[in-house]
């Protein structure tokens, strides 16, 4: 069932992108009155479900000067962020 607030999708034209002996690439162009925003994406749902960032942990493995990367962590840094 279509979304009643979805509006109509209108064909506005197309473009021939490429043509050879075996294939034809054609782009169909459509418009809709509905704008997809970040809040409409799965990524926004995933990010909103994450807990607040409370700790940033960084490990440094020197390449130059040194013989790395050798897997030995020469420096470790932790930054804690206040919680709201």
N, C-alpha and C. Protein backbone atom coordinates (compact mmCIF):
# COMPACT_ATOMS: atom_id res chain seq x y z
N UNK A 1 0.84 -1.18 0.00
CA UNK A 1 0.00 0.00 0.00
C UNK A 1 0.89 1.24 0.00
N UNK A 2 0.73 2.13 -0.95
CA UNK A 2 1.54 3.35 -0.99
C UNK A 2 1.29 4.24 0.22
N UNK A 3 2.30 4.98 0.59
CA UNK A 3 2.19 5.94 1.67
C UNK A 3 1.30 7.09 1.20
N UNK A 4 0.24 7.44 1.93
CA UNK A 4 -0.65 8.51 1.49
C UNK A 4 0.04 9.87 1.39
N UNK A 5 1.13 10.06 2.11
CA UNK A 5 1.86 11.32 2.04
C UNK A 5 3.00 11.26 1.03
N UNK A 6 3.11 10.15 0.32
CA UNK A 6 4.23 9.95 -0.59
C UNK A 6 4.18 10.80 -1.84
N UNK A 7 3.01 11.16 -2.30
CA UNK A 7 2.92 11.95 -3.52
C UNK A 7 3.18 11.09 -4.74
N UNK A 8 3.14 11.73 -5.88
CA UNK A 8 3.33 10.98 -7.12
C UNK A 8 4.78 11.04 -7.58
N UNK A 9 5.17 10.04 -8.34
CA UNK A 9 6.48 9.99 -8.97
C UNK A 9 6.26 10.26 -10.45
N UNK A 10 6.98 11.25 -11.00
CA UNK A 10 6.74 11.71 -12.36
C UNK A 10 7.98 11.44 -13.21
N UNK A 11 7.78 10.82 -14.36
CA UNK A 11 8.86 10.61 -15.33
C UNK A 11 9.14 11.94 -16.02
N UNK A 12 10.40 12.38 -16.00
CA UNK A 12 10.75 13.67 -16.60
C UNK A 12 11.69 13.55 -17.78
N UNK A 13 12.04 12.34 -18.15
CA UNK A 13 12.90 12.17 -19.31
C UNK A 13 13.95 11.11 -19.08
N UNK A 14 14.91 11.12 -19.96
CA UNK A 14 15.97 10.14 -19.86
C UNK A 14 17.16 10.53 -20.71
N UNK A 15 18.24 9.79 -20.54
CA UNK A 15 19.48 10.09 -21.24
C UNK A 15 20.10 8.79 -21.72
N UNK A 16 20.54 8.79 -22.97
CA UNK A 16 21.31 7.66 -23.48
C UNK A 16 22.73 7.81 -22.96
N UNK A 17 23.17 6.87 -22.14
CA UNK A 17 24.49 6.96 -21.53
C UNK A 17 25.57 6.32 -22.37
N UNK A 18 25.27 5.16 -22.95
CA UNK A 18 26.29 4.45 -23.73
C UNK A 18 25.59 3.45 -24.63
N UNK A 19 26.24 3.15 -25.73
CA UNK A 19 25.68 2.21 -26.69
C UNK A 19 26.84 1.51 -27.37
N UNK A 20 26.76 0.18 -27.42
CA UNK A 20 27.73 -0.58 -28.21
C UNK A 20 26.98 -1.70 -28.92
N UNK A 21 27.68 -2.62 -29.52
CA UNK A 21 27.02 -3.68 -30.30
C UNK A 21 26.14 -4.59 -29.44
N UNK A 22 26.43 -4.65 -28.15
CA UNK A 22 25.74 -5.63 -27.30
C UNK A 22 24.84 -5.02 -26.24
N UNK A 23 25.12 -3.77 -25.86
CA UNK A 23 24.41 -3.19 -24.72
C UNK A 23 23.99 -1.75 -24.99
N UNK A 24 22.92 -1.37 -24.33
CA UNK A 24 22.46 0.01 -24.36
C UNK A 24 22.25 0.42 -22.90
N UNK A 25 22.89 1.50 -22.50
CA UNK A 25 22.72 2.03 -21.14
C UNK A 25 21.89 3.30 -21.23
N UNK A 26 20.76 3.29 -20.54
CA UNK A 26 19.83 4.41 -20.58
C UNK A 26 19.47 4.78 -19.16
N UNK A 27 19.50 6.06 -18.87
CA UNK A 27 19.15 6.54 -17.54
C UNK A 27 17.76 7.16 -17.57
N UNK A 28 16.86 6.63 -16.75
CA UNK A 28 15.52 7.19 -16.62
C UNK A 28 15.53 8.21 -15.49
N UNK A 29 14.94 9.37 -15.70
CA UNK A 29 14.90 10.42 -14.69
C UNK A 29 13.48 10.61 -14.19
N UNK A 30 13.34 10.65 -12.87
CA UNK A 30 12.05 10.82 -12.22
C UNK A 30 12.16 11.91 -11.17
N UNK A 31 11.04 12.52 -10.83
CA UNK A 31 11.00 13.47 -9.73
C UNK A 31 9.89 13.05 -8.77
N UNK A 32 10.05 13.49 -7.54
CA UNK A 32 9.04 13.26 -6.51
C UNK A 32 9.03 14.47 -5.59
N UNK A 33 7.91 14.75 -5.00
CA UNK A 33 7.79 15.91 -4.12
C UNK A 33 8.32 15.62 -2.73
N UNK A 34 8.66 14.39 -2.46
CA UNK A 34 9.15 13.99 -1.15
C UNK A 34 10.67 14.03 -1.15
N UNK A 35 11.27 14.67 -0.15
CA UNK A 35 12.73 14.73 -0.05
C UNK A 35 13.20 13.75 1.01
N UNK A 36 14.15 12.92 0.64
CA UNK A 36 14.71 11.96 1.59
C UNK A 36 15.80 12.67 2.38
N UNK A 37 15.65 12.68 3.69
CA UNK A 37 16.64 13.31 4.56
C UNK A 37 17.41 12.24 5.32
N UNK A 38 18.40 12.68 6.06
CA UNK A 38 19.21 11.75 6.85
C UNK A 38 18.35 10.96 7.84
N UNK A 39 17.33 11.61 8.37
CA UNK A 39 16.47 10.94 9.36
C UNK A 39 15.67 9.78 8.75
N UNK A 40 15.56 9.73 7.43
CA UNK A 40 14.82 8.66 6.76
C UNK A 40 15.68 7.44 6.46
N UNK A 41 16.95 7.49 6.80
CA UNK A 41 17.87 6.41 6.44
C UNK A 41 18.05 5.41 7.56
N UNK A 42 18.51 4.24 7.21
CA UNK A 42 18.82 3.22 8.20
C UNK A 42 20.01 3.66 9.06
N UNK A 43 20.97 4.37 8.45
CA UNK A 43 22.14 4.82 9.19
C UNK A 43 21.72 5.73 10.35
N UNK A 44 20.77 6.62 10.14
CA UNK A 44 20.31 7.50 11.21
C UNK A 44 19.71 6.69 12.35
N UNK A 45 18.96 5.65 12.03
CA UNK A 45 18.40 4.79 13.08
C UNK A 45 19.50 4.11 13.87
N UNK A 46 20.52 3.61 13.16
CA UNK A 46 21.63 2.93 13.83
C UNK A 46 22.40 3.89 14.72
N UNK A 47 22.68 5.10 14.22
CA UNK A 47 23.43 6.08 15.00
C UNK A 47 22.63 6.52 16.22
N UNK A 48 21.35 6.74 16.06
CA UNK A 48 20.51 7.15 17.19
C UNK A 48 20.41 6.08 18.26
N UNK A 49 20.60 4.82 17.88
CA UNK A 49 20.53 3.72 18.84
C UNK A 49 21.83 3.54 19.62
N UNK A 50 22.91 4.18 19.18
CA UNK A 50 24.20 4.04 19.87
C UNK A 50 24.20 4.82 21.19
N UNK A 51 24.94 4.34 22.18
CA UNK A 51 25.09 5.12 23.40
C UNK A 51 25.96 6.34 23.14
N UNK A 52 25.89 7.32 24.03
CA UNK A 52 26.73 8.51 23.89
C UNK A 52 28.20 8.11 23.93
N UNK A 53 29.03 8.81 23.17
CA UNK A 53 30.46 8.55 23.15
C UNK A 53 31.04 8.98 24.49
N UNK A 54 31.64 8.04 25.21
CA UNK A 54 32.20 8.36 26.52
C UNK A 54 33.71 8.18 26.58
N UNK A 55 34.29 7.39 25.66
CA UNK A 55 35.72 7.11 25.71
C UNK A 55 36.27 6.97 24.29
N UNK A 56 37.38 7.67 24.03
CA UNK A 56 38.11 7.53 22.78
C UNK A 56 39.47 6.97 23.14
N UNK A 57 39.82 5.83 22.58
CA UNK A 57 41.07 5.15 22.89
C UNK A 57 41.91 5.06 21.62
N UNK A 58 43.17 5.56 21.70
CA UNK A 58 44.05 5.59 20.53
C UNK A 58 45.35 4.87 20.87
N UNK A 59 45.73 3.91 20.03
CA UNK A 59 47.01 3.22 20.14
C UNK A 59 47.89 3.67 18.98
N UNK A 60 49.17 3.98 19.28
CA UNK A 60 50.10 4.46 18.26
C UNK A 60 51.23 3.45 18.11
N UNK A 61 51.44 3.00 16.87
CA UNK A 61 52.54 2.10 16.52
C UNK A 61 53.42 2.88 15.55
N UNK A 62 54.59 3.33 16.03
CA UNK A 62 55.47 4.17 15.21
C UNK A 62 55.93 3.46 13.95
N UNK A 63 55.95 4.21 12.86
CA UNK A 63 56.53 3.74 11.60
C UNK A 63 57.88 4.43 11.40
N UNK A 64 57.92 5.75 11.58
CA UNK A 64 59.15 6.50 11.37
C UNK A 64 59.21 7.61 12.40
N UNK A 65 60.18 7.75 13.27
CA UNK A 65 61.37 6.90 13.34
C UNK A 65 61.02 5.58 14.01
N UNK A 66 61.67 4.57 13.61
CA UNK A 66 61.44 3.25 14.17
C UNK A 66 61.48 2.20 13.10
N UNK A 67 61.09 1.01 13.47
CA UNK A 67 61.12 -0.12 12.54
C UNK A 67 59.73 -0.61 12.22
N UNK A 68 58.72 0.18 12.53
CA UNK A 68 57.35 -0.27 12.43
C UNK A 68 56.76 -0.13 11.05
N UNK A 69 55.51 -0.47 10.88
CA UNK A 69 54.69 -0.98 11.99
C UNK A 69 55.10 -2.40 12.36
N UNK A 70 55.34 -2.57 13.66
CA UNK A 70 55.79 -3.87 14.14
C UNK A 70 54.80 -4.52 15.10
N UNK A 71 53.67 -3.85 15.34
CA UNK A 71 52.67 -4.41 16.23
C UNK A 71 52.87 -4.03 17.68
N UNK A 72 54.01 -3.38 17.99
CA UNK A 72 54.26 -2.91 19.36
C UNK A 72 53.66 -1.52 19.52
N UNK A 73 52.84 -1.34 20.53
CA UNK A 73 52.21 -0.06 20.79
C UNK A 73 53.16 0.80 21.61
N UNK A 74 53.65 1.90 21.01
CA UNK A 74 54.57 2.78 21.71
C UNK A 74 53.85 3.81 22.58
N UNK A 75 52.66 4.21 22.18
CA UNK A 75 51.90 5.19 22.96
C UNK A 75 50.42 4.78 22.97
N UNK A 76 49.78 5.08 24.10
CA UNK A 76 48.34 4.83 24.26
C UNK A 76 47.73 6.09 24.85
N UNK A 77 46.63 6.53 24.27
CA UNK A 77 45.94 7.74 24.74
C UNK A 77 44.47 7.41 24.94
N UNK A 78 43.93 7.88 26.07
CA UNK A 78 42.49 7.74 26.32
C UNK A 78 41.92 9.11 26.63
N UNK A 79 40.83 9.44 25.98
CA UNK A 79 40.12 10.69 26.23
C UNK A 79 38.71 10.33 26.69
N UNK A 80 38.36 10.79 27.86
CA UNK A 80 37.01 10.54 28.40
C UNK A 80 36.16 11.79 28.21
N UNK A 81 34.92 11.59 27.83
CA UNK A 81 34.00 12.69 27.58
C UNK A 81 32.92 12.70 28.65
N UNK A 82 32.55 13.89 29.12
CA UNK A 82 31.50 13.95 30.14
C UNK A 82 30.15 13.49 29.58
N UNK A 83 29.38 12.85 30.42
CA UNK A 83 28.06 12.38 30.03
C UNK A 83 27.02 13.43 30.40
N UNK A 84 26.03 13.59 29.54
CA UNK A 84 24.97 14.58 29.79
C UNK A 84 24.03 14.11 30.85
